[in-house]
Amino acid sequence: MEAVIRKWGNSPAVRLPASAIKEAAFSLEQKVNLTVTRGRIVIEPSSRIEYDLNKLIGGITAGNLHAEVSFGKPVGKEAL
């Protein structure tokens, strides 16, 4: 499969054909890692997971909320 490097704003860009994205099982807005080695650029899925704080907080319910936990008295310069 062949593509052409073109200018996009001030950066070079390569358009990836939909068939390549589908075959690689990638999706739009997916985070990827770029590795450059010996004149090759490799695109791989990112294994880093990003969390959405609002979604996480939205998942708190009375059933999964724990009570306050005591860690004892300060032993150093903790601000309690």
C-alpha atoms as a PDB file:
ATOM      1  CA  MET A   1       0.000   0.000   0.000  1.00  0.00           C
ATOM      2  CA  GLU A   2       1.470   3.345  -0.992  1.00  0.00           C
ATOM      3  CA  ALA A   3       0.856   6.838   0.405  1.00  0.00           C
ATOM      4  CA  VAL A   4       2.337  10.299  -0.143  1.00  0.00           C
ATOM      5  CA  ILE A   5       3.813  12.624   2.466  1.00  0.00           C
ATOM      6  CA  ARG A   6       2.168  16.036   2.138  1.00  0.00           C
ATOM      7  CA  LYS A   7       2.141  19.272   4.082  1.00  0.00           C
ATOM      8  CA  TRP A   8      -0.595  19.739   6.712  1.00  0.00           C
ATOM      9  CA  GLY A   9      -0.265  23.161   8.346  1.00  0.00           C
ATOM     10  CA  ASN A  10       3.437  23.428   9.170  1.00  0.00           C
ATOM     11  CA  SER A  11       3.907  19.663   9.507  1.00  0.00           C
ATOM     12  CA  PRO A  12       4.376  16.800   7.081  1.00  0.00           C
ATOM     13  CA  ALA A  13       1.499  14.300   7.147  1.00  0.00           C
ATOM     14  CA  VAL A  14       0.562  10.924   5.699  1.00  0.00           C
ATOM     15  CA  ARG A  15      -3.089  10.043   5.119  1.00  0.00           C
ATOM     16  CA  LEU A  16      -3.789   6.478   6.140  1.00  0.00           C
ATOM     17  CA  PRO A  17      -6.288   4.674   3.926  1.00  0.00           C
ATOM     18  CA  ALA A  18      -9.425   3.436   5.710  1.00  0.00           C
ATOM     19  CA  SER A  19      -8.568  -0.107   4.615  1.00  0.00           C
ATOM     20  CA  ALA A  20      -5.200   0.107   6.431  1.00  0.00           C
ATOM     21  CA  ILE A  21      -6.856   1.395   9.599  1.00  0.00           C
ATOM     22  CA  LYS A  22      -9.441  -1.384   9.425  1.00  0.00           C
ATOM     23  CA  GLU A  23      -6.860  -4.111   8.765  1.00  0.00           C
ATOM     24  CA  ALA A  24      -4.718  -2.906  11.686  1.00  0.00           C
ATOM     25  CA  ALA A  25      -7.840  -2.743  13.916  1.00  0.00           C
ATOM     26  CA  PHE A  26      -7.191   0.924  14.741  1.00  0.00           C
ATOM     27  CA  SER A  27      -9.943   3.473  15.304  1.00  0.00           C
ATOM     28  CA  LEU A  28     -10.308   7.237  14.959  1.00  0.00           C
ATOM     29  CA  GLU A  29      -9.019   9.236  17.942  1.00  0.00           C
ATOM     30  CA  GLN A  30      -7.035   6.202  19.141  1.00  0.00           C
ATOM     31  CA  LYS A  31      -3.739   7.012  20.870  1.00  0.00           C
ATOM     32  CA  VAL A  32      -0.693   5.522  19.141  1.00  0.00           C
ATOM     33  CA  ASN A  33       3.071   5.380  19.690  1.00  0.00           C
ATOM     34  CA  LEU A  34       5.507   6.286  16.941  1.00  0.00           C
ATOM     35  CA  THR A  35       8.882   4.559  16.867  1.00  0.00           C
ATOM     36  CA  VAL A  36      11.604   5.758  14.503  1.00  0.00           C
ATOM     37  CA  THR A  37      14.400   3.281  13.813  1.00  0.00           C
ATOM     38  CA  ARG A  38      16.853   2.992  10.919  1.00  0.00           C
ATOM     39  CA  GLY A  39      14.816   5.064   8.471  1.00  0.00           C
ATOM     40  CA  ARG A  40      11.454   3.474   9.399  1.00  0.00           C
ATOM     41  CA  ILE A  41       8.462   4.892  11.216  1.00  0.00           C
ATOM     42  CA  VAL A  42       6.356   2.308  13.037  1.00  0.00           C
ATOM     43  CA  ILE A  43       2.854   3.144  14.317  1.00  0.00           C
ATOM     44  CA  GLU A  44       1.640   0.957  17.206  1.00  0.00           C
ATOM     45  CA  PRO A  45      -1.347   1.177  19.544  1.00  0.00           C
ATOM     46  CA  SER A  46      -0.548   2.949  22.802  1.00  0.00           C
ATOM     47  CA  SER A  47      -0.748   0.733  25.861  1.00  0.00           C
ATOM     48  CA  ARG A  48      -1.114   3.752  28.132  1.00  0.00           C
ATOM     49  CA  ILE A  49      -4.615   4.081  29.520  1.00  0.00           C
ATOM     50  CA  GLU A  50      -6.027   7.551  30.068  1.00  0.00           C
ATOM     51  CA  TYR A  51      -8.811   8.007  32.582  1.00  0.00           C
ATOM     52  CA  ASP A  52     -11.605  10.577  32.507  1.00  0.00           C
ATOM     53  CA  LEU A  53     -11.971  11.989  36.033  1.00  0.00           C
ATOM     54  CA  ASN A  54     -15.609  12.959  35.482  1.00  0.00           C
ATOM     55  CA  LYS A  55     -16.480   9.398  34.390  1.00  0.00           C
ATOM     56  CA  LEU A  56     -14.631   7.945  37.372  1.00  0.00           C
ATOM     57  CA  ILE A  57     -16.400  10.259  39.814  1.00  0.00           C
ATOM     58  CA  GLY A  58     -19.710   9.510  38.091  1.00  0.00           C
ATOM     59  CA  GLY A  59     -19.153   5.828  38.878  1.00  0.00           C
ATOM     60  CA  ILE A  60     -19.166   6.422  42.644  1.00  0.00           C
ATOM     61  CA  THR A  61     -22.313   5.014  44.244  1.00  0.00           C
ATOM     62  CA  ALA A  62     -23.486   4.342  47.780  1.00  0.00           C
ATOM     63  CA  GLY A  63     -22.645   0.684  47.151  1.00  0.00           C
ATOM     64  CA  ASN A  64     -18.956   1.235  46.295  1.00  0.00           C
ATOM     65  CA  LEU A  65     -18.198   4.226  48.539  1.00  0.00           C
ATOM     66  CA  HIS A  66     -16.100   3.302  51.587  1.00  0.00           C
ATOM     67  CA  ALA A  67     -16.108   4.995  54.963  1.00  0.00           C
ATOM     68  CA  GLU A  68     -13.335   7.264  56.198  1.00  0.00           C
ATOM     69  CA  VAL A  69     -10.116   5.401  57.009  1.00  0.00           C
ATOM     70  CA  SER A  70      -7.877   6.336  59.932  1.00  0.00           C
ATOM     71  CA  PHE A  71      -4.138   6.124  59.379  1.00  0.00           C
ATOM     72  CA  GLY A  72      -3.328   7.000  62.984  1.00  0.00           C
ATOM     73  CA  LYS A  73      -1.617  10.069  64.412  1.00  0.00           C
ATOM     74  CA  PRO A  74       0.934  12.037  62.375  1.00  0.00           C
ATOM     75  CA  VAL A  75       4.465  10.639  62.628  1.00  0.00           C
ATOM     76  CA  GLY A  76       6.294  13.368  60.740  1.00  0.00           C
ATOM     77  CA  LYS A  77       5.329  16.688  59.182  1.00  0.00           C
ATOM     78  CA  GLU A  78       1.968  15.605  57.732  1.00  0.00           C
ATOM     79  CA  ALA A  79      -0.613  18.381  57.518  1.00  0.00           C
ATOM     80  CA  LEU A  80      -3.738  16.880  59.086  1.00  0.00           C
END
